[in-house]
N, C-alpha and C. Protein backbone atom coordinates (compact mmCIF):
# COMPACT_ATOMS: atom_id res chain seq x y z
N MET A 1 101.52 94.31 112.00
CA MET A 1 102.19 93.52 113.01
C MET A 1 101.13 92.89 113.90
N ASN A 2 101.28 91.66 114.23
CA ASN A 2 100.31 90.95 115.05
C ASN A 2 100.61 91.20 116.52
N ILE A 3 99.85 92.10 117.15
CA ILE A 3 100.10 92.50 118.52
C ILE A 3 99.07 91.83 119.44
N PRO A 4 99.54 91.27 120.56
CA PRO A 4 98.60 90.61 121.48
C PRO A 4 97.62 91.59 122.10
N PHE A 5 96.36 91.16 122.25
CA PHE A 5 95.34 91.93 122.95
C PHE A 5 94.85 91.08 124.11
N ILE A 6 95.00 91.62 125.32
CA ILE A 6 94.53 90.94 126.51
C ILE A 6 93.70 91.94 127.28
N SER A 7 92.46 91.59 127.58
CA SER A 7 91.57 92.50 128.31
C SER A 7 92.17 92.85 129.66
N GLU A 8 91.98 94.09 130.08
CA GLU A 8 92.49 94.53 131.38
C GLU A 8 91.89 93.67 132.48
N GLY A 9 92.72 93.19 133.38
CA GLY A 9 92.26 92.33 134.46
C GLY A 9 92.22 90.87 134.06
N ASP A 10 92.53 90.56 132.81
CA ASP A 10 92.47 89.18 132.33
C ASP A 10 93.88 88.65 132.02
N GLU A 11 94.91 89.35 132.56
CA GLU A 11 96.28 88.93 132.31
C GLU A 11 96.53 87.57 132.93
N SER A 12 97.29 86.76 132.26
CA SER A 12 97.62 85.43 132.75
C SER A 12 98.82 84.92 131.97
N ASP A 13 99.11 83.66 132.14
CA ASP A 13 100.24 83.05 131.43
C ASP A 13 99.77 82.48 130.09
N TYR A 14 99.28 83.34 129.23
CA TYR A 14 98.83 82.87 127.92
C TYR A 14 100.04 82.58 127.04
N ASP A 15 99.86 81.70 126.10
CA ASP A 15 100.92 81.29 125.19
C ASP A 15 101.04 82.33 124.08
N ILE A 16 101.60 83.48 124.42
CA ILE A 16 101.70 84.59 123.48
C ILE A 16 102.92 84.38 122.60
N ARG A 17 102.67 84.25 121.32
CA ARG A 17 103.76 84.04 120.36
C ARG A 17 103.97 85.29 119.53
N TYR A 18 104.17 86.38 120.25
CA TYR A 18 104.40 87.66 119.59
C TYR A 18 105.77 87.67 118.95
N LYS A 19 105.83 88.00 117.70
CA LYS A 19 107.09 88.12 116.99
C LYS A 19 107.06 89.40 116.19
N SER A 20 108.21 89.93 115.90
CA SER A 20 108.27 91.21 115.22
C SER A 20 108.09 91.09 113.71
N LYS A 21 107.63 89.95 113.23
CA LYS A 21 107.37 89.79 111.81
C LYS A 21 106.13 90.61 111.45
N ASN A 22 106.17 91.23 110.30
CA ASN A 22 105.01 92.01 109.89
C ASN A 22 104.86 91.97 108.38
N ILE A 23 103.73 92.45 107.91
CA ILE A 23 103.40 92.35 106.50
C ILE A 23 104.35 93.19 105.62
N THR A 24 104.85 94.29 106.17
CA THR A 24 105.78 95.12 105.40
C THR A 24 107.07 94.36 105.13
N ASP A 25 107.65 93.77 106.18
CA ASP A 25 108.87 92.98 106.00
C ASP A 25 108.63 91.80 105.07
N GLY A 26 107.54 91.10 105.30
CA GLY A 26 107.23 89.93 104.48
C GLY A 26 107.04 90.28 103.01
N THR A 27 106.35 91.38 102.75
CA THR A 27 106.12 91.82 101.38
C THR A 27 107.44 92.19 100.70
N GLU A 28 108.28 92.94 101.42
CA GLU A 28 109.58 93.32 100.86
C GLU A 28 110.43 92.09 100.54
N GLN A 29 110.40 91.11 101.42
CA GLN A 29 111.18 89.89 101.20
C GLN A 29 110.69 89.12 99.98
N ILE A 30 109.38 89.00 99.84
CA ILE A 30 108.83 88.27 98.70
C ILE A 30 109.15 88.99 97.39
N ILE A 31 108.99 90.30 97.36
CA ILE A 31 109.27 91.07 96.14
C ILE A 31 110.75 90.96 95.77
N ALA A 32 111.64 91.06 96.76
CA ALA A 32 113.08 90.92 96.49
C ALA A 32 113.38 89.54 95.92
N TRP A 33 112.75 88.52 96.48
CA TRP A 33 112.98 87.14 96.03
C TRP A 33 112.46 86.95 94.60
N LEU A 34 111.21 87.32 94.36
CA LEU A 34 110.60 87.06 93.06
C LEU A 34 111.16 87.93 91.95
N SER A 35 111.56 89.16 92.27
CA SER A 35 112.07 90.05 91.23
C SER A 35 113.52 89.74 90.87
N GLY A 36 114.28 89.22 91.85
CA GLY A 36 115.68 88.93 91.60
C GLY A 36 116.53 90.16 91.39
N LYS A 37 116.01 91.35 91.73
CA LYS A 37 116.71 92.61 91.46
C LYS A 37 117.54 93.12 92.63
N GLN A 38 117.48 92.43 93.76
CA GLN A 38 118.15 92.96 94.95
C GLN A 38 119.16 91.98 95.53
N GLY A 39 119.75 91.19 94.69
CA GLY A 39 120.75 90.24 95.17
C GLY A 39 120.11 89.04 95.85
N THR A 40 120.83 88.46 96.79
CA THR A 40 120.35 87.24 97.45
C THR A 40 120.11 87.43 98.95
N ASP A 41 120.05 88.67 99.41
CA ASP A 41 119.81 88.93 100.84
C ASP A 41 118.47 88.37 101.31
N TYR A 42 117.50 88.23 100.41
CA TYR A 42 116.20 87.69 100.78
C TYR A 42 116.33 86.29 101.40
N ARG A 43 117.39 85.59 101.09
CA ARG A 43 117.58 84.24 101.62
C ARG A 43 117.77 84.23 103.13
N ASP A 44 118.11 85.38 103.70
CA ASP A 44 118.25 85.48 105.16
C ASP A 44 116.92 85.77 105.84
N GLY A 45 115.89 86.07 105.08
CA GLY A 45 114.59 86.44 105.64
C GLY A 45 113.78 85.23 106.06
N TYR A 46 112.82 85.47 106.93
CA TYR A 46 111.99 84.38 107.46
C TYR A 46 111.05 83.79 106.41
N ILE A 47 110.61 84.57 105.43
CA ILE A 47 109.70 84.05 104.40
C ILE A 47 110.41 82.97 103.58
N TYR A 48 111.59 83.30 103.10
CA TYR A 48 112.36 82.35 102.28
C TYR A 48 112.65 81.08 103.08
N THR A 49 113.15 81.26 104.28
CA THR A 49 113.50 80.10 105.13
C THR A 49 112.28 79.24 105.38
N TYR A 50 111.17 79.87 105.75
CA TYR A 50 109.94 79.13 106.04
C TYR A 50 109.47 78.34 104.81
N LEU A 51 109.40 79.01 103.66
CA LEU A 51 108.87 78.35 102.47
C LEU A 51 109.81 77.28 101.92
N MET A 52 111.09 77.51 101.99
CA MET A 52 112.03 76.49 101.53
C MET A 52 111.94 75.24 102.42
N ASN A 53 111.77 75.44 103.72
CA ASN A 53 111.57 74.29 104.61
C ASN A 53 110.25 73.60 104.33
N LYS A 54 109.21 74.40 104.13
CA LYS A 54 107.87 73.85 103.89
C LYS A 54 107.84 72.98 102.63
N PHE A 55 108.59 73.39 101.62
CA PHE A 55 108.57 72.67 100.34
C PHE A 55 109.87 71.92 100.07
N ASN A 56 110.52 71.50 101.15
CA ASN A 56 111.70 70.63 101.07
C ASN A 56 112.75 71.11 100.06
N GLY A 57 113.00 72.42 100.04
CA GLY A 57 114.05 72.96 99.19
C GLY A 57 113.68 73.14 97.73
N ASN A 58 112.44 72.84 97.35
CA ASN A 58 112.00 73.01 95.96
C ASN A 58 111.69 74.49 95.72
N GLU A 59 112.66 75.22 95.19
CA GLU A 59 112.53 76.66 95.07
C GLU A 59 111.41 77.10 94.12
N LEU A 60 111.17 76.38 93.05
CA LEU A 60 110.10 76.76 92.12
C LEU A 60 108.73 76.67 92.79
N VAL A 61 108.51 75.64 93.55
CA VAL A 61 107.24 75.50 94.27
C VAL A 61 107.14 76.57 95.34
N ALA A 62 108.25 76.81 96.05
CA ALA A 62 108.26 77.84 97.09
C ALA A 62 107.97 79.22 96.50
N GLN A 63 108.55 79.52 95.34
CA GLN A 63 108.29 80.81 94.69
C GLN A 63 106.83 80.94 94.26
N SER A 64 106.27 79.87 93.77
CA SER A 64 104.86 79.89 93.39
C SER A 64 103.99 80.21 94.60
N TYR A 65 104.31 79.58 95.71
CA TYR A 65 103.56 79.82 96.95
C TYR A 65 103.79 81.25 97.43
N ALA A 66 105.02 81.75 97.30
CA ALA A 66 105.34 83.12 97.71
C ALA A 66 104.52 84.13 96.93
N LEU A 67 104.34 83.90 95.64
CA LEU A 67 103.51 84.80 94.83
C LEU A 67 102.07 84.79 95.32
N ARG A 68 101.55 83.61 95.62
CA ARG A 68 100.19 83.54 96.15
C ARG A 68 100.10 84.22 97.51
N MET A 69 101.14 84.08 98.33
CA MET A 69 101.18 84.77 99.62
C MET A 69 101.12 86.29 99.43
N LEU A 70 101.89 86.78 98.47
CA LEU A 70 101.94 88.22 98.20
C LEU A 70 100.56 88.74 97.80
N ILE A 71 99.90 88.04 96.92
CA ILE A 71 98.56 88.44 96.49
C ILE A 71 97.60 88.42 97.67
N HIS A 72 97.66 87.39 98.48
CA HIS A 72 96.80 87.27 99.66
C HIS A 72 97.09 88.41 100.65
N GLN A 73 98.36 88.71 100.88
CA GLN A 73 98.73 89.77 101.81
C GLN A 73 98.21 91.13 101.36
N MET A 74 98.24 91.38 100.07
CA MET A 74 97.73 92.67 99.57
C MET A 74 96.24 92.80 99.86
N GLY A 75 95.50 91.71 99.72
CA GLY A 75 94.09 91.74 100.05
C GLY A 75 93.85 91.88 101.55
N ASP A 76 94.76 91.34 102.35
CA ASP A 76 94.59 91.36 103.80
C ASP A 76 94.97 92.68 104.45
N LEU A 77 95.54 93.61 103.70
CA LEU A 77 95.92 94.89 104.29
C LEU A 77 94.72 95.60 104.91
N ALA A 78 93.53 95.37 104.38
CA ALA A 78 92.33 96.02 104.89
C ALA A 78 91.67 95.23 106.02
N GLN A 79 92.25 94.12 106.42
CA GLN A 79 91.66 93.24 107.43
C GLN A 79 92.25 93.58 108.80
N PRO A 80 91.49 94.32 109.65
CA PRO A 80 92.05 94.73 110.94
C PRO A 80 92.36 93.57 111.88
N LEU A 81 91.73 92.43 111.66
CA LEU A 81 91.98 91.29 112.54
C LEU A 81 93.33 90.63 112.24
N HIS A 82 94.03 91.12 111.24
CA HIS A 82 95.38 90.63 110.97
C HIS A 82 96.42 91.40 111.78
N SER A 83 96.00 92.37 112.54
CA SER A 83 96.96 93.15 113.30
C SER A 83 96.93 92.85 114.79
N THR A 84 96.07 91.94 115.20
CA THR A 84 95.99 91.63 116.63
C THR A 84 95.50 90.20 116.85
N THR A 85 95.84 89.67 117.98
CA THR A 85 95.34 88.37 118.41
C THR A 85 94.86 88.51 119.83
N ARG A 86 93.62 88.10 120.10
CA ARG A 86 93.06 88.23 121.44
C ARG A 86 93.34 86.97 122.26
N TYR A 87 93.82 87.19 123.46
CA TYR A 87 94.10 86.11 124.40
C TYR A 87 93.15 86.23 125.58
N ASN A 88 92.52 85.12 125.93
CA ASN A 88 91.69 85.08 127.13
C ASN A 88 91.59 83.63 127.59
N SER A 89 90.77 83.38 128.61
CA SER A 89 90.68 82.02 129.16
C SER A 89 90.13 81.02 128.14
N LYS A 90 89.29 81.47 127.21
CA LYS A 90 88.75 80.58 126.18
C LYS A 90 89.75 80.36 125.04
N SER A 91 90.66 81.30 124.86
CA SER A 91 91.66 81.21 123.80
C SER A 91 93.05 81.50 124.37
N PRO A 92 93.58 80.61 125.21
CA PRO A 92 94.88 80.88 125.83
C PRO A 92 96.04 80.93 124.85
N ARG A 93 95.86 80.40 123.64
CA ARG A 93 96.91 80.46 122.62
C ARG A 93 96.59 81.53 121.57
N GLY A 94 95.57 82.32 121.82
CA GLY A 94 95.17 83.39 120.91
C GLY A 94 94.04 82.96 120.01
N ASP A 95 93.32 83.93 119.47
CA ASP A 95 92.14 83.63 118.65
C ASP A 95 92.45 83.62 117.15
N ALA A 96 93.73 83.64 116.79
CA ALA A 96 94.15 83.58 115.38
C ALA A 96 93.48 84.66 114.53
N GLY A 97 93.55 85.89 115.02
CA GLY A 97 93.00 87.00 114.25
C GLY A 97 91.51 86.94 114.06
N GLY A 98 90.80 86.47 115.07
CA GLY A 98 89.34 86.38 115.01
C GLY A 98 88.83 85.07 114.46
N ASN A 99 89.70 84.20 113.95
CA ASN A 99 89.26 82.89 113.47
C ASN A 99 88.79 82.02 114.63
N GLY A 100 89.36 82.21 115.80
CA GLY A 100 88.96 81.44 116.97
C GLY A 100 87.77 82.05 117.70
N PHE A 101 87.32 83.23 117.26
CA PHE A 101 86.16 83.88 117.86
C PHE A 101 84.94 83.39 117.08
N LYS A 102 84.33 82.34 117.57
CA LYS A 102 83.26 81.66 116.84
C LYS A 102 81.94 82.42 116.96
N LEU A 103 81.19 82.39 115.88
CA LEU A 103 79.85 82.97 115.83
C LEU A 103 78.86 81.85 115.60
N LYS A 104 77.66 82.05 116.02
CA LYS A 104 76.62 81.02 115.87
C LYS A 104 75.98 81.10 114.49
N ARG A 105 76.79 80.87 113.46
CA ARG A 105 76.33 80.85 112.06
C ARG A 105 75.58 82.11 111.67
N LYS A 106 75.91 83.20 112.30
CA LYS A 106 75.26 84.46 111.96
C LYS A 106 75.82 84.97 110.63
N TYR A 107 74.97 85.46 109.78
CA TYR A 107 75.35 86.00 108.47
C TYR A 107 76.01 84.94 107.58
N GLY A 108 75.82 83.67 107.88
CA GLY A 108 76.36 82.60 107.06
C GLY A 108 77.85 82.35 107.24
N VAL A 109 78.41 82.81 108.35
CA VAL A 109 79.83 82.58 108.62
C VAL A 109 80.00 81.96 110.00
N LYS A 110 81.19 81.42 110.24
CA LYS A 110 81.44 80.72 111.51
C LYS A 110 82.33 81.50 112.48
N SER A 111 83.03 82.54 111.99
CA SER A 111 83.95 83.25 112.87
C SER A 111 83.93 84.75 112.58
N LEU A 112 84.44 85.51 113.54
CA LEU A 112 84.50 86.96 113.39
C LEU A 112 85.37 87.34 112.19
N HIS A 113 86.48 86.65 112.00
CA HIS A 113 87.35 86.91 110.85
C HIS A 113 86.59 86.71 109.53
N SER A 114 85.87 85.63 109.44
CA SER A 114 85.10 85.35 108.21
C SER A 114 84.02 86.40 108.00
N LEU A 115 83.42 86.87 109.09
CA LEU A 115 82.38 87.90 108.97
C LEU A 115 82.97 89.16 108.36
N TRP A 116 84.13 89.58 108.85
CA TRP A 116 84.77 90.77 108.30
C TRP A 116 85.04 90.59 106.80
N ASP A 117 85.61 89.44 106.45
CA ASP A 117 85.91 89.18 105.04
C ASP A 117 84.65 89.21 104.19
N LYS A 118 83.58 88.60 104.68
CA LYS A 118 82.33 88.55 103.92
C LYS A 118 81.75 89.95 103.72
N VAL A 119 81.74 90.75 104.78
CA VAL A 119 81.20 92.10 104.68
C VAL A 119 82.04 92.92 103.70
N LEU A 120 83.35 92.77 103.78
CA LEU A 120 84.23 93.52 102.89
C LEU A 120 83.95 93.19 101.43
N TYR A 121 83.74 91.90 101.13
CA TYR A 121 83.46 91.51 99.75
C TYR A 121 82.04 91.87 99.33
N ALA A 122 81.07 91.61 100.20
CA ALA A 122 79.67 91.85 99.85
C ALA A 122 79.36 93.33 99.70
N GLU A 123 80.01 94.16 100.50
CA GLU A 123 79.70 95.59 100.51
C GLU A 123 80.84 96.42 99.90
N ARG A 124 81.55 95.86 98.95
CA ARG A 124 82.73 96.53 98.43
C ARG A 124 82.43 97.83 97.70
N LYS A 125 81.21 97.99 97.22
CA LYS A 125 80.90 99.20 96.47
C LYS A 125 80.30 100.29 97.35
N ASN A 126 79.44 99.90 98.29
CA ASN A 126 78.79 100.89 99.14
C ASN A 126 78.42 100.23 100.46
N ILE A 127 79.21 100.45 101.47
CA ILE A 127 78.96 99.82 102.76
C ILE A 127 77.79 100.53 103.44
N ARG A 128 76.74 99.74 103.70
CA ARG A 128 75.56 100.31 104.36
C ARG A 128 75.87 100.65 105.81
N ARG A 129 75.33 101.75 106.27
CA ARG A 129 75.49 102.17 107.66
C ARG A 129 74.13 102.47 108.24
N PRO A 130 73.94 102.39 109.50
CA PRO A 130 74.93 102.04 110.51
C PRO A 130 75.19 100.53 110.51
N PHE A 131 76.38 100.14 111.00
CA PHE A 131 76.70 98.74 111.14
C PHE A 131 75.86 98.15 112.25
N THR A 132 75.42 96.88 112.08
CA THR A 132 74.66 96.23 113.15
C THR A 132 75.61 95.46 114.05
């Protein structure tokens, strides 16, 4: 679940778009839709509605995208920056899970989110410690 993070003492009127959507619900909806084994209740879910709108009612294209979403979500389960969004004066609309937290091209990446992804892929067999 994407939960807002605001540093203590830094509270303000940030554009927090917290919603109770989460990867568990989204995954269940996609599996119900693609498998066709659970009736048509998936049509009431936000994933189906969003994708059908995105692809102008073309269900085959929407299903193709849903499968890619499912694969991506499974990989993202290990990404801690998918569970929070930081709000501050530099990012009043949130940092998009670390994508808005820019780095000065350190380690060949541009954002904190990309750094996590790169380390996860590069060190998938044996993560060197201590972390720098």
